[in-house]
Each structure stands twice: as C-alpha cells, then as structure tokens.
Amino acid sequence: IYKNAFPIIKEYKIPVVIALVGKWLESKDKVDFSGHIITRNKFL
C-alpha cells in the first residue's frame, strides 16, 4: 500500500482508510498469516 498505492493516492489527493491488524504489526520478524508464516516486512 505504501510502496505502490500511496504515490497514486498523493498524486490524485485521494482520502483512504487503511485497516491494521495489531498482532501482525507488533511481530518482530515473522507473522502468522492465516496459518502461513511470512516475514514481517510484508506489512507496513
């Protein structure tokens, strides 16, 4: 969202809502994503 959508959001001055999952953001290195372990940097 930050890498690919936010530049377009700024260009067209579009207000948006971003829904965040606290546990995923608070994780240090890995995130349990619906049973799949992925790296934390996949999230904001």
PDB file of all heavy atoms in Angstrom:
ATOM      1  N   ILE A   1       0.855  -1.202   0.000  1.00  0.00           N
ATOM      2  CA  ILE A   1       0.000   0.000   0.000  1.00  0.00           C
ATOM      3  C   ILE A   1       0.882   1.240   0.000  1.00  0.00           C
ATOM      4  O   ILE A   1       0.642   2.202  -0.748  1.00  0.00           O
ATOM      5  CB  ILE A   1      -0.942   0.001   1.222  1.00  0.00           C
ATOM      6  CG1 ILE A   1      -1.884  -1.203   1.171  1.00  0.00           C
ATOM      7  CG2 ILE A   1      -1.733   1.299   1.293  1.00  0.00           C
ATOM      8  CD1 ILE A   1      -2.674  -1.413   2.448  1.00  0.00           C
ATOM      9  N   TYR A   2       1.912   1.233   0.849  1.00  0.00           N
ATOM     10  CA  TYR A   2       2.838   2.377   0.911  1.00  0.00           C
ATOM     11  C   TYR A   2       3.665   2.467  -0.362  1.00  0.00           C
ATOM     12  O   TYR A   2       3.808   3.548  -0.950  1.00  0.00           O
ATOM     13  CB  TYR A   2       3.758   2.231   2.116  1.00  0.00           C
ATOM     14  CG  TYR A   2       4.845   3.288   2.176  1.00  0.00           C
ATOM     15  CD1 TYR A   2       4.567   4.574   2.644  1.00  0.00           C
ATOM     16  CD2 TYR A   2       6.141   3.000   1.744  1.00  0.00           C
ATOM     17  CE1 TYR A   2       5.562   5.550   2.683  1.00  0.00           C
ATOM     18  CE2 TYR A   2       7.134   3.964   1.782  1.00  0.00           C
ATOM     19  CZ  TYR A   2       6.844   5.238   2.250  1.00  0.00           C
ATOM     20  OH  TYR A   2       7.830   6.203   2.288  1.00  0.00           O
ATOM     21  N   LYS A   3       4.181   1.330  -0.803  1.00  0.00           N
ATOM     22  CA  LYS A   3       5.099   1.331  -1.944  1.00  0.00           C
ATOM     23  C   LYS A   3       4.399   1.663  -3.254  1.00  0.00           C
ATOM     24  O   LYS A   3       4.903   2.474  -4.055  1.00  0.00           O
ATOM     25  CB  LYS A   3       5.780  -0.031  -2.045  1.00  0.00           C
ATOM     26  CG  LYS A   3       6.762  -0.151  -3.206  1.00  0.00           C
ATOM     27  CD  LYS A   3       7.376  -1.549  -3.262  1.00  0.00           C
ATOM     28  CE  LYS A   3       8.322  -1.685  -4.451  1.00  0.00           C
ATOM     29  NZ  LYS A   3       8.895  -3.052  -4.542  1.00  0.00           N
ATOM     30  N   ASN A   4       3.222   1.063  -3.479  1.00  0.00           N
ATOM     31  CA  ASN A   4       2.606   1.163  -4.808  1.00  0.00           C
ATOM     32  C   ASN A   4       1.325   1.988  -4.871  1.00  0.00           C
ATOM     33  O   ASN A   4       1.016   2.560  -5.918  1.00  0.00           O
ATOM     34  CB  ASN A   4       2.304  -0.243  -5.333  1.00  0.00           C
ATOM     35  CG  ASN A   4       3.561  -1.078  -5.511  1.00  0.00           C
ATOM     36  OD1 ASN A   4       4.599  -0.562  -5.914  1.00  0.00           O
ATOM     37  ND2 ASN A   4       3.480  -2.368  -5.193  1.00  0.00           N
ATOM     38  N   ALA A   5       0.567   2.040  -3.766  1.00  0.00           N
ATOM     39  CA  ALA A   5      -0.694   2.784  -3.796  1.00  0.00           C
ATOM     40  C   ALA A   5      -0.526   4.219  -3.319  1.00  0.00           C
ATOM     41  O   ALA A   5      -1.163   5.133  -3.865  1.00  0.00           O
ATOM     42  CB  ALA A   5      -1.734   2.074  -2.932  1.00  0.00           C
ATOM     43  N   PHE A   6       0.313   4.426  -2.311  1.00  0.00           N
ATOM     44  CA  PHE A   6       0.417   5.767  -1.711  1.00  0.00           C
ATOM     45  C   PHE A   6       0.870   6.833  -2.718  1.00  0.00           C
ATOM     46  O   PHE A   6       0.339   7.952  -2.703  1.00  0.00           O
ATOM     47  CB  PHE A   6       1.345   5.728  -0.499  1.00  0.00           C
ATOM     48  CG  PHE A   6       1.363   7.001   0.298  1.00  0.00           C
ATOM     49  CD1 PHE A   6       0.178   7.612   0.708  1.00  0.00           C
ATOM     50  CD2 PHE A   6       2.568   7.602   0.636  1.00  0.00           C
ATOM     51  CE1 PHE A   6       0.189   8.792   1.440  1.00  0.00           C
ATOM     52  CE2 PHE A   6       2.590   8.782   1.372  1.00  0.00           C
ATOM     53  CZ  PHE A   6       1.404   9.378   1.772  1.00  0.00           C
ATOM     54  N   PRO A   7       1.820   6.537  -3.616  1.00  0.00           N
ATOM     55  CA  PRO A   7       2.163   7.559  -4.620  1.00  0.00           C
ATOM     56  C   PRO A   7       0.961   7.988  -5.461  1.00  0.00           C
ATOM     57  O   PRO A   7       0.818   9.177  -5.797  1.00  0.00           O
ATOM     58  CB  PRO A   7       3.228   6.853  -5.472  1.00  0.00           C
ATOM     59  CG  PRO A   7       3.849   5.860  -4.553  1.00  0.00           C
ATOM     60  CD  PRO A   7       2.711   5.364  -3.703  1.00  0.00           C
ATOM     61  N   ILE A   8       0.087   7.038  -5.797  1.00  0.00           N
ATOM     62  CA  ILE A   8      -1.112   7.366  -6.582  1.00  0.00           C
ATOM     63  C   ILE A   8      -2.111   8.127  -5.719  1.00  0.00           C
ATOM     64  O   ILE A   8      -2.755   9.078  -6.182  1.00  0.00           O
ATOM     65  CB  ILE A   8      -1.733   6.068  -7.140  1.00  0.00           C
ATOM     66  CG1 ILE A   8      -0.730   5.354  -8.049  1.00  0.00           C
ATOM     67  CG2 ILE A   8      -3.043   6.355  -7.882  1.00  0.00           C
ATOM     68  CD1 ILE A   8      -1.129   3.947  -8.448  1.00  0.00           C
ATOM     69  N   ILE A   9      -2.223   7.733  -4.466  1.00  0.00           N
ATOM     70  CA  ILE A   9      -3.099   8.438  -3.517  1.00  0.00           C
ATOM     71  C   ILE A   9      -2.688   9.898  -3.401  1.00  0.00           C
ATOM     72  O   ILE A   9      -3.533  10.804  -3.417  1.00  0.00           O
ATOM     73  CB  ILE A   9      -3.046   7.733  -2.141  1.00  0.00           C
ATOM     74  CG1 ILE A   9      -3.740   6.369  -2.222  1.00  0.00           C
ATOM     75  CG2 ILE A   9      -3.681   8.599  -1.055  1.00  0.00           C
ATOM     76  CD1 ILE A   9      -3.468   5.471  -1.029  1.00  0.00           C
ATOM     77  N   LYS A  10      -1.380  10.141  -3.289  1.00  0.00           N
ATOM     78  CA  LYS A  10      -0.883  11.522  -3.182  1.00  0.00           C
ATOM     79  C   LYS A  10      -1.091  12.282  -4.487  1.00  0.00           C
ATOM     80  O   LYS A  10      -1.474  13.454  -4.479  1.00  0.00           O
ATOM     81  CB  LYS A  10       0.602  11.513  -2.807  1.00  0.00           C
ATOM     82  CG  LYS A  10       0.894  11.096  -1.381  1.00  0.00           C
ATOM     83  CD  LYS A  10       2.339  11.373  -0.989  1.00  0.00           C
ATOM     84  CE  LYS A  10       3.297  10.506  -1.803  1.00  0.00           C
ATOM     85  NZ  LYS A  10       4.706  10.715  -1.369  1.00  0.00           N
ATOM     86  N   GLU A  11      -0.837  11.603  -5.599  1.00  0.00           N
ATOM     87  CA  GLU A  11      -0.956  12.268  -6.900  1.00  0.00           C
ATOM     88  C   GLU A  11      -2.375  12.772  -7.136  1.00  0.00           C
ATOM     89  O   GLU A  11      -2.573  13.892  -7.627  1.00  0.00           O
ATOM     90  CB  GLU A  11      -0.546  11.297  -8.007  1.00  0.00           C
ATOM     91  CG  GLU A  11      -0.655  11.894  -9.407  1.00  0.00           C
ATOM     92  CD  GLU A  11      -0.287  10.896 -10.506  1.00  0.00           C
ATOM     93  OE1 GLU A  11       0.173   9.774 -10.176  1.00  0.00           O
ATOM     94  OE2 GLU A  11      -0.480  11.235 -11.696  1.00  0.00           O
ATOM     95  N   TYR A  12      -3.363  11.959  -6.765  1.00  0.00           N
ATOM     96  CA  TYR A  12      -4.751  12.331  -7.025  1.00  0.00           C
ATOM     97  C   TYR A  12      -5.464  12.866  -5.780  1.00  0.00           C
ATOM     98  O   TYR A  12      -6.657  13.141  -5.830  1.00  0.00           O
ATOM     99  CB  TYR A  12      -5.510  11.130  -7.594  1.00  0.00           C
ATOM    100  CG  TYR A  12      -5.026  10.734  -8.970  1.00  0.00           C
ATOM    101  CD1 TYR A  12      -4.139   9.674  -9.135  1.00  0.00           C
ATOM    102  CD2 TYR A  12      -5.428  11.443 -10.102  1.00  0.00           C
ATOM    103  CE1 TYR A  12      -3.676   9.315 -10.389  1.00  0.00           C
ATOM    104  CE2 TYR A  12      -4.979  11.095 -11.363  1.00  0.00           C
ATOM    105  CZ  TYR A  12      -4.096  10.034 -11.504  1.00  0.00           C
ATOM    106  OH  TYR A  12      -3.634   9.695 -12.756  1.00  0.00           O
ATOM    107  N   LYS A  13      -4.695  12.995  -4.692  1.00  0.00           N
ATOM    108  CA  LYS A  13      -5.223  13.547  -3.432  1.00  0.00           C
ATOM    109  C   LYS A  13      -6.498  12.808  -2.992  1.00  0.00           C
ATOM    110  O   LYS A  13      -7.557  13.402  -2.776  1.00  0.00           O
ATOM    111  CB  LYS A  13      -5.485  15.043  -3.565  1.00  0.00           C
ATOM    112  CG  LYS A  13      -4.227  15.866  -3.822  1.00  0.00           C
ATOM    113  CD  LYS A  13      -4.540  17.347  -3.917  1.00  0.00           C
ATOM    114  CE  LYS A  13      -3.256  18.168  -4.013  1.00  0.00           C
ATOM    115  NZ  LYS A  13      -2.384  17.790  -5.146  1.00  0.00           N
ATOM    116  N   ILE A  14      -6.358  11.496  -2.841  1.00  0.00           N
ATOM    117  CA  ILE A  14      -7.496  10.633  -2.516  1.00  0.00           C
ATOM    118  C   ILE A  14      -7.472  10.285  -1.031  1.00  0.00           C
ATOM    119  O   ILE A  14      -6.497   9.701  -0.544  1.00  0.00           O
ATOM    120  CB  ILE A  14      -7.433   9.314  -3.315  1.00  0.00           C
ATOM    121  CG1 ILE A  14      -7.337   9.602  -4.809  1.00  0.00           C
ATOM    122  CG2 ILE A  14      -8.647   8.450  -3.005  1.00  0.00           C
ATOM    123  CD1 ILE A  14      -6.920   8.382  -5.610  1.00  0.00           C
ATOM    124  N   PRO A  15      -8.523  10.594  -0.288  1.00  0.00           N
ATOM    125  CA  PRO A  15      -8.599  10.123   1.100  1.00  0.00           C
ATOM    126  C   PRO A  15      -8.869   8.624   1.139  1.00  0.00           C
ATOM    127  O   PRO A  15      -9.700   8.122   0.377  1.00  0.00           O
ATOM    128  CB  PRO A  15      -9.762  10.922   1.685  1.00  0.00           C
ATOM    129  CG  PRO A  15     -10.600  11.285   0.506  1.00  0.00           C
ATOM    130  CD  PRO A  15      -9.673  11.421  -0.666  1.00  0.00           C
ATOM    131  N   VAL A  16      -8.178   7.898   2.021  1.00  0.00           N
ATOM    132  CA  VAL A  16      -8.353   6.454   2.100  1.00  0.00           C
ATOM    133  C   VAL A  16      -8.368   6.009   3.558  1.00  0.00           C
ATOM    134  O   VAL A  16      -7.927   6.730   4.456  1.00  0.00           O
ATOM    135  CB  VAL A  16      -7.225   5.694   1.353  1.00  0.00           C
ATOM    136  CG1 VAL A  16      -7.175   6.094  -0.109  1.00  0.00           C
ATOM    137  CG2 VAL A  16      -5.877   5.907   2.031  1.00  0.00           C
ATOM    138  N   VAL A  17      -8.869   4.801   3.761  1.00  0.00           N
ATOM    139  CA  VAL A  17      -8.877   4.155   5.073  1.00  0.00           C
ATOM    140  C   VAL A  17      -8.038   2.890   4.970  1.00  0.00           C
ATOM    141  O   VAL A  17      -8.224   2.098   4.042  1.00  0.00           O
ATOM    142  CB  VAL A  17     -10.314   3.787   5.511  1.00  0.00           C
ATOM    143  CG1 VAL A  17     -10.291   3.107   6.873  1.00  0.00           C
ATOM    144  CG2 VAL A  17     -11.198   5.012   5.546  1.00  0.00           C
ATOM    145  N   ILE A  18      -7.125   2.705   5.929  1.00  0.00           N
ATOM    146  CA  ILE A  18      -6.279   1.516   5.937  1.00  0.00           C
ATOM    147  C   ILE A  18      -6.526   0.757   7.235  1.00  0.00           C
ATOM    148  O   ILE A  18      -6.344   1.292   8.330  1.00  0.00           O
ATOM    149  CB  ILE A  18      -4.790   1.878   5.817  1.00  0.00           C
ATOM    150  CG1 ILE A  18      -4.541   2.662   4.519  1.00  0.00           C
ATOM    151  CG2 ILE A  18      -3.930   0.614   5.848  1.00  0.00           C
ATOM    152  CD1 ILE A  18      -3.109   3.143   4.360  1.00  0.00           C
ATOM    153  N   ALA A  19      -6.968  -0.495   7.111  1.00  0.00           N
ATOM    154  CA  ALA A  19      -7.299  -1.319   8.276  1.00  0.00           C
ATOM    155  C   ALA A  19      -6.074  -2.128   8.703  1.00  0.00           C
ATOM    156  O   ALA A  19      -5.471  -2.833   7.887  1.00  0.00           O
ATOM    157  CB  ALA A  19      -8.458  -2.253   7.940  1.00  0.00           C
ATOM    158  N   LEU A  20      -5.728  -2.038   9.990  1.00  0.00           N
ATOM    159  CA  LEU A  20      -4.497  -2.633  10.508  1.00  0.00           C
ATOM    160  C   LEU A  20      -4.783  -3.696  11.564  1.00  0.00           C
ATOM    161  O   LEU A  20      -5.651  -3.527  12.417  1.00  0.00           O
ATOM    162  CB  LEU A  20      -3.607  -1.545  11.111  1.00  0.00           C
ATOM    163  CG  LEU A  20      -3.216  -0.394  10.165  1.00  0.00           C
ATOM    164  CD1 LEU A  20      -2.438   0.666  10.924  1.00  0.00           C
ATOM    165  CD2 LEU A  20      -2.414  -0.912   8.981  1.00  0.00           C
ATOM    166  N   VAL A  21      -4.007  -4.776  11.485  1.00  0.00           N
ATOM    167  CA  VAL A  21      -4.087  -5.882  12.444  1.00  0.00           C
ATOM    168  C   VAL A  21      -2.923  -5.725  13.426  1.00  0.00           C
ATOM    169  O   VAL A  21      -1.759  -5.861  13.043  1.00  0.00           O
ATOM    170  CB  VAL A  21      -4.016  -7.243  11.729  1.00  0.00           C
ATOM    171  CG1 VAL A  21      -4.055  -8.384  12.739  1.00  0.00           C
ATOM    172  CG2 VAL A  21      -5.154  -7.376  10.721  1.00  0.00           C
ATOM    173  N   GLY A  22      -3.234  -5.447  14.691  1.00  0.00           N
ATOM    174  CA  GLY A  22      -2.209  -5.124  15.667  1.00  0.00           C
ATOM    175  C   GLY A  22      -1.151  -6.188  15.843  1.00  0.00           C
ATOM    176  O   GLY A  22       0.047  -5.891  15.890  1.00  0.00           O
ATOM    177  N   LYS A  23      -1.558  -7.438  15.922  1.00  0.00           N
ATOM    178  CA  LYS A  23      -0.608  -8.521  16.169  1.00  0.00           C
ATOM    179  C   LYS A  23       0.407  -8.627  15.055  1.00  0.00           C
ATOM    180  O   LYS A  23       1.596  -8.892  15.293  1.00  0.00           O
ATOM    181  CB  LYS A  23      -1.368  -9.836  16.348  1.00  0.00           C
ATOM    182  CG  LYS A  23      -0.480 -11.039  16.639  1.00  0.00           C
ATOM    183  CD  LYS A  23       0.275 -10.894  17.951  1.00  0.00           C
ATOM    184  CE  LYS A  23       1.080 -12.141  18.279  1.00  0.00           C
ATOM    185  NZ  LYS A  23       1.884 -11.981  19.507  1.00  0.00           N
ATOM    186  N   TRP A  24      -0.014  -8.422  13.822  1.00  0.00           N
ATOM    187  CA  TRP A  24       0.910  -8.510  12.691  1.00  0.00           C
ATOM    188  C   TRP A  24       1.938  -7.385  12.748  1.00  0.00           C
ATOM    189  O   TRP A  24       3.111  -7.587  12.456  1.00  0.00           O
ATOM    190  CB  TRP A  24       0.144  -8.453  11.367  1.00  0.00           C
ATOM    191  CG  TRP A  24      -0.781  -9.613  11.160  1.00  0.00           C
ATOM    192  CD1 TRP A  24      -0.847 -10.763  11.911  1.00  0.00           C
ATOM    193  CD2 TRP A  24      -1.778  -9.750  10.149  1.00  0.00           C
ATOM    194  NE1 TRP A  24      -1.818 -11.600  11.438  1.00  0.00           N
ATOM    195  CE2 TRP A  24      -2.419 -11.016  10.349  1.00  0.00           C
ATOM    196  CE3 TRP A  24      -2.209  -8.952   9.102  1.00  0.00           C
ATOM    197  CZ2 TRP A  24      -3.438 -11.471   9.525  1.00  0.00           C
ATOM    198  CZ3 TRP A  24      -3.231  -9.395   8.275  1.00  0.00           C
ATOM    199  CH2 TRP A  24      -3.843 -10.644   8.482  1.00  0.00           C
ATOM    200  N   LEU A  25       1.487  -6.183  13.119  1.00  0.00           N
ATOM    201  CA  LEU A  25       2.406  -5.044  13.188  1.00  0.00           C
ATOM    202  C   LEU A  25       3.374  -5.173  14.358  1.00  0.00           C
ATOM    203  O   LEU A  25       4.527  -4.731  14.282  1.00  0.00           O
ATOM    204  CB  LEU A  25       1.615  -3.738  13.314  1.00  0.00           C
ATOM    205  CG  LEU A  25       0.671  -3.383  12.157  1.00  0.00           C
ATOM    206  CD1 LEU A  25      -0.015  -2.057  12.427  1.00  0.00           C
ATOM    207  CD2 LEU A  25       1.419  -3.337  10.831  1.00  0.00           C
ATOM    208  N   GLU A  26       2.909  -5.765  15.438  1.00  0.00           N
ATOM    209  CA  GLU A  26       3.727  -5.872  16.643  1.00  0.00           C
ATOM    210  C   GLU A  26       4.763  -6.986  16.537  1.00  0.00           C
ATOM    211  O   GLU A  26       5.743  -7.008  17.295  1.00  0.00           O
ATOM    212  CB  GLU A  26       2.826  -6.114  17.855  1.00  0.00           C
ATOM    213  CG  GLU A  26       3.493  -5.831  19.185  1.00  0.00           C
ATOM    214  CD  GLU A  26       2.512  -5.870  20.345  1.00  0.00           C
ATOM    215  OE1 GLU A  26       1.545  -6.646  20.279  1.00  0.00           O
ATOM    216  OE2 GLU A  26       2.723  -5.125  21.307  1.00  0.00           O
ATOM    217  N   SER A  27       4.564  -7.904  15.602  1.00  0.00           N
ATOM    218  CA  SER A  27       5.502  -9.007  15.438  1.00  0.00           C
ATOM    219  C   SER A  27       6.881  -8.478  15.028  1.00  0.00           C
ATOM    220  O   SER A  27       6.997  -7.489  14.295  1.00  0.00           O
ATOM    221  CB  SER A  27       4.998  -9.990  14.384  1.00  0.00           C
ATOM    222  OG  SER A  27       3.747 -10.530  14.767  1.00  0.00           O
ATOM    223  N   LYS A  28       7.927  -9.158  15.490  1.00  0.00           N
ATOM    224  CA  LYS A  28       9.296  -8.704  15.234  1.00  0.00           C
ATOM    225  C   LYS A  28       9.782  -9.120  13.844  1.00  0.00           C
ATOM    226  O   LYS A  28      10.134  -8.278  13.016  1.00  0.00           O
ATOM    227  CB  LYS A  28      10.235  -9.269  16.295  1.00  0.00           C
ATOM    228  CG  LYS A  28       9.901  -8.834  17.710  1.00  0.00           C
ATOM    229  CD  LYS A  28      10.055  -7.336  17.900  1.00  0.00           C
ATOM    230  CE  LYS A  28       9.795  -6.942  19.353  1.00  0.00           C
ATOM    231  NZ  LYS A  28       9.848  -5.475  19.538  1.00  0.00           N
ATOM    232  N   ASP A  29       9.833 -10.426  13.581  1.00  0.00           N
ATOM    233  CA  ASP A  29      10.413 -10.920  12.334  1.00  0.00           C
ATOM    234  C   ASP A  29       9.438 -11.695  11.462  1.00  0.00           C
ATOM    235  O   ASP A  29       9.474 -11.602  10.244  1.00  0.00           O
ATOM    236  CB  ASP A  29      11.616 -11.819  12.643  1.00  0.00           C
ATOM    237  CG  ASP A  29      12.691 -11.091  13.426  1.00  0.00           C
ATOM    238  OD1 ASP A  29      13.048  -9.974  13.010  1.00  0.00           O
ATOM    239  OD2 ASP A  29      13.145 -11.638  14.450  1.00  0.00           O
ATOM    240  N   LYS A  30       8.584 -12.485  12.109  1.00  0.00           N
ATOM    241  CA  LYS A  30       7.681 -13.351  11.376  1.00  0.00           C
ATOM    242  C   LYS A  30       6.232 -13.065  11.753  1.00  0.00           C
ATOM    243  O   LYS A  30       5.934 -12.642  12.872  1.00  0.00           O
ATOM    244  CB  LYS A  30       7.992 -14.823  11.663  1.00  0.00           C
ATOM    245  CG  LYS A  30       9.426 -15.247  11.333  1.00  0.00           C
ATOM    246  CD  LYS A  30       9.673 -15.266   9.836  1.00  0.00           C
ATOM    247  CE  LYS A  30      11.088 -15.779   9.539  1.00  0.00           C
ATOM    248  NZ  LYS A  30      11.367 -15.789   8.074  1.00  0.00           N
ATOM    249  N   VAL A  31       5.325 -13.329  10.818  1.00  0.00           N
ATOM    250  CA  VAL A  31       3.895 -13.135  11.044  1.00  0.00           C
ATOM    251  C   VAL A  31       3.167 -14.421  10.681  1.00  0.00           C
ATOM    252  O   VAL A  31       3.422 -15.006   9.619  1.00  0.00           O
ATOM    253  CB  VAL A  31       3.345 -11.965  10.196  1.00  0.00           C
ATOM    254  CG1 VAL A  31       1.824 -11.907  10.272  1.00  0.00           C
ATOM    255  CG2 VAL A  31       3.947 -10.643  10.641  1.00  0.00           C
ATOM    256  N   ASP A  32       2.289 -14.842  11.573  1.00  0.00           N
ATOM    257  CA  ASP A  32       1.411 -15.980  11.282  1.00  0.00           C
ATOM    258  C   ASP A  32       0.217 -15.434  10.493  1.00  0.00           C
ATOM    259  O   ASP A  32      -0.710 -14.860  11.043  1.00  0.00           O
ATOM    260  CB  ASP A  32       0.951 -16.643  12.576  1.00  0.00           C
ATOM    261  CG  ASP A  32       0.117 -17.902  12.314  1.00  0.00           C
ATOM    262  OD1 ASP A  32      -0.317 -18.105  11.170  1.00  0.00           O
ATOM    263  OD2 ASP A  32      -0.114 -18.668  13.274  1.00  0.00           O
ATOM    264  N   PHE A  33       0.263 -15.621   9.195  1.00  0.00           N
ATOM    265  CA  PHE A  33      -0.734 -15.058   8.288  1.00  0.00           C
ATOM    266  C   PHE A  33      -1.658 -16.175   7.830  1.00  0.00           C
ATOM    267  O   PHE A  33      -1.370 -16.910   6.892  1.00  0.00           O
ATOM    268  CB  PHE A  33      -0.031 -14.400   7.098  1.00  0.00           C
ATOM    269  CG  PHE A  33      -0.954 -13.788   6.080  1.00  0.00           C
ATOM    270  CD1 PHE A  33      -1.685 -12.643   6.381  1.00  0.00           C
ATOM    271  CD2 PHE A  33      -1.090 -14.338   4.821  1.00  0.00           C
ATOM    272  CE1 PHE A  33      -2.524 -12.068   5.438  1.00  0.00           C
ATOM    273  CE2 PHE A  33      -1.932 -13.777   3.872  1.00  0.00           C
ATOM    274  CZ  PHE A  33      -2.649 -12.636   4.194  1.00  0.00           C
ATOM    275  N   SER A  34      -2.767 -16.321   8.575  1.00  0.00           N
ATOM    276  CA  SER A  34      -3.752 -17.363   8.258  1.00  0.00           C
ATOM    277  C   SER A  34      -3.101 -18.738   8.151  1.00  0.00           C
ATOM    278  O   SER A  34      -3.393 -19.519   7.237  1.00  0.00           O
ATOM    279  CB  SER A  34      -4.490 -17.024   6.959  1.00  0.00           C
ATOM    280  OG  SER A  34      -5.174 -15.797   7.073  1.00  0.00           O
ATOM    281  N   GLY A  35      -2.193 -19.038   9.091  1.00  0.00           N
ATOM    282  CA  GLY A  35      -1.551 -20.342   9.119  1.00  0.00           C
ATOM    283  C   GLY A  35      -0.273 -20.426   8.316  1.00  0.00           C
ATOM    284  O   GLY A  35       0.417 -21.443   8.357  1.00  0.00           O
ATOM    285  N   HIS A  36       0.072 -19.364   7.582  1.00  0.00           N
ATOM    286  CA  HIS A  36       1.314 -19.317   6.811  1.00  0.00           C
ATOM    287  C   HIS A  36       2.280 -18.350   7.484  1.00  0.00           C
ATOM    288  O   HIS A  36       1.923 -17.200   7.779  1.00  0.00           O
ATOM    289  CB  HIS A  36       1.048 -18.881   5.368  1.00  0.00           C
ATOM    290  CG  HIS A  36       0.070 -19.749   4.636  1.00  0.00           C
ATOM    291  ND1 HIS A  36       0.397 -20.993   4.153  1.00  0.00           N
ATOM    292  CD2 HIS A  36      -1.236 -19.560   4.322  1.00  0.00           C
ATOM    293  CE1 HIS A  36      -0.649 -21.540   3.560  1.00  0.00           C
ATOM    294  NE2 HIS A  36      -1.659 -20.687   3.656  1.00  0.00           N
ATOM    295  N   ILE A  37       3.497 -18.781   7.717  1.00  0.00           N
ATOM    296  CA  ILE A  37       4.491 -17.923   8.356  1.00  0.00           C
ATOM    297  C   ILE A  37       5.205 -17.118   7.280  1.00  0.00           C
ATOM    298  O   ILE A  37       5.847 -17.686   6.382  1.00  0.00           O
ATOM    299  CB  ILE A  37       5.496 -18.762   9.171  1.00  0.00           C
ATOM    300  CG1 ILE A  37       4.760 -19.630  10.190  1.00  0.00           C
ATOM    301  CG2 ILE A  37       6.501 -17.847   9.876  1.00  0.00           C
ATOM    302  CD1 ILE A  37       3.876 -18.865  11.155  1.00  0.00           C
ATOM    303  N   ILE A  38       5.084 -15.791   7.371  1.00  0.00           N
ATOM    304  CA  ILE A  38       5.710 -14.907   6.390  1.00  0.00           C
ATOM    305  C   ILE A  38       6.534 -13.855   7.120  1.00  0.00           C
ATOM    306  O   ILE A  38       6.422 -13.685   8.339  1.00  0.00           O
ATOM    307  CB  ILE A  38       4.642 -14.216   5.501  1.00  0.00           C
ATOM    308  CG1 ILE A  38       3.708 -13.353   6.363  1.00  0.00           C
ATOM    309  CG2 ILE A  38       3.839 -15.240   4.714  1.00  0.00           C
ATOM    310  CD1 ILE A  38       2.724 -12.542   5.560  1.00  0.00           C
ATOM    311  N   THR A  39       7.358 -13.136   6.389  1.00  0.00           N
ATOM    312  CA  THR A  39       8.224 -12.135   7.001  1.00  0.00           C
ATOM    313  C   THR A  39       7.441 -10.879   7.353  1.00  0.00           C
ATOM    314  O   THR A  39       6.489 -10.499   6.661  1.00  0.00           O
ATOM    315  CB  THR A  39       9.375 -11.758   6.060  1.00  0.00           C
ATOM    316  OG1 THR A  39       8.834 -11.279   4.822  1.00  0.00           O
ATOM    317  CG2 THR A  39      10.254 -12.967   5.780  1.00  0.00           C
ATOM    318  N   ARG A  40       7.847 -10.237   8.428  1.00  0.00           N
ATOM    319  CA  ARG A  40       7.173  -9.026   8.930  1.00  0.00           C
ATOM    320  C   ARG A  40       7.193  -7.903   7.910  1.00  0.00           C
ATOM    321  O   ARG A  40       6.252  -7.081   7.861  1.00  0.00           O
ATOM    322  CB  ARG A  40       7.853  -8.594  10.240  1.00  0.00           C
ATOM    323  CG  ARG A  40       7.505  -7.196  10.749  1.00  0.00           C
ATOM    324  CD  ARG A  40       6.035  -7.060  11.097  1.00  0.00           C
ATOM    325  NE  ARG A  40       5.703  -5.745  11.596  1.00  0.00           N
ATOM    326  CZ  ARG A  40       5.474  -4.672  10.829  1.00  0.00           C
ATOM    327  NH1 ARG A  40       5.540  -4.778   9.498  1.00  0.00           N
ATOM    328  NH2 ARG A  40       5.160  -3.508  11.369  1.00  0.00           N
ATOM    329  N   ASN A  41       8.212  -7.842   7.061  1.00  0.00           N
ATOM    330  CA  ASN A  41       8.325  -6.709   6.134  1.00  0.00           C
ATOM    331  C   ASN A  41       7.294  -6.734   5.008  1.00  0.00           C
ATOM    332  O   ASN A  41       7.254  -5.828   4.181  1.00  0.00           O
ATOM    333  CB  ASN A  41       9.740  -6.616   5.560  1.00  0.00           C
ATOM    334  CG  ASN A  41      10.132  -7.834   4.732  1.00  0.00           C
ATOM    335  OD1 ASN A  41       9.288  -8.655   4.360  1.00  0.00           O
ATOM    336  ND2 ASN A  41      11.428  -7.962   4.458  1.00  0.00           N
ATOM    337  N   LYS A  42       6.454  -7.763   4.977  1.00  0.00           N
ATOM    338  CA  LYS A  42       5.346  -7.770   4.014  1.00  0.00           C
ATOM    339  C   LYS A  42       4.234  -6.805   4.438  1.00  0.00           C
ATOM    340  O   LYS A  42       3.321  -6.522   3.661  1.00  0.00           O
ATOM    341  CB  LYS A  42       4.767  -9.176   3.876  1.00  0.00           C
ATOM    342  CG  LYS A  42       5.709 -10.183   3.205  1.00  0.00           C
ATOM    343  CD  LYS A  42       5.907  -9.872   1.731  1.00  0.00           C
ATOM    344  CE  LYS A  42       6.734 -10.948   1.051  1.00  0.00           C
ATOM    345  NZ  LYS A  42       6.940 -10.639  -0.399  1.00  0.00           N
ATOM    346  N   PHE A  43       4.321  -6.328   5.689  1.00  0.00           N
ATOM    347  CA  PHE A  43       3.316  -5.403   6.210  1.00  0.00           C
ATOM    348  C   PHE A  43       3.944  -4.037   6.484  1.00  0.00           C
ATOM    349  O   PHE A  43       5.174  -3.907   6.560  1.00  0.00           O
ATOM    350  CB  PHE A  43       2.682  -5.979   7.479  1.00  0.00           C
ATOM    351  CG  PHE A  43       1.931  -7.254   7.230  1.00  0.00           C
ATOM    352  CD1 PHE A  43       2.552  -8.484   7.390  1.00  0.00           C
ATOM    353  CD2 PHE A  43       0.621  -7.236   6.791  1.00  0.00           C
ATOM    354  CE1 PHE A  43       1.883  -9.673   7.140  1.00  0.00           C
ATOM    355  CE2 PHE A  43      -0.061  -8.408   6.524  1.00  0.00           C
ATOM    356  CZ  PHE A  43       0.574  -9.632   6.690  1.00  0.00           C
ATOM    357  N   LEU A  44       3.094  -3.041   6.634  1.00  0.00           N
ATOM    358  CA  LEU A  44       3.554  -1.668   6.793  1.00  0.00           C
ATOM    359  C   LEU A  44       4.453  -1.502   8.014  1.00  0.00           C
ATOM    360  O   LEU A  44       4.183  -2.056   9.082  1.00  0.00           O
ATOM    361  CB  LEU A  44       2.359  -0.724   6.923  1.00  0.00           C
ATOM    362  CG  LEU A  44       1.513  -0.533   5.654  1.00  0.00           C
ATOM    363  CD1 LEU A  44       0.179   0.121   5.998  1.00  0.00           C
ATOM    364  CD2 LEU A  44       2.272   0.298   4.617  1.00  0.00           C
TER     365      LEU A  44
END
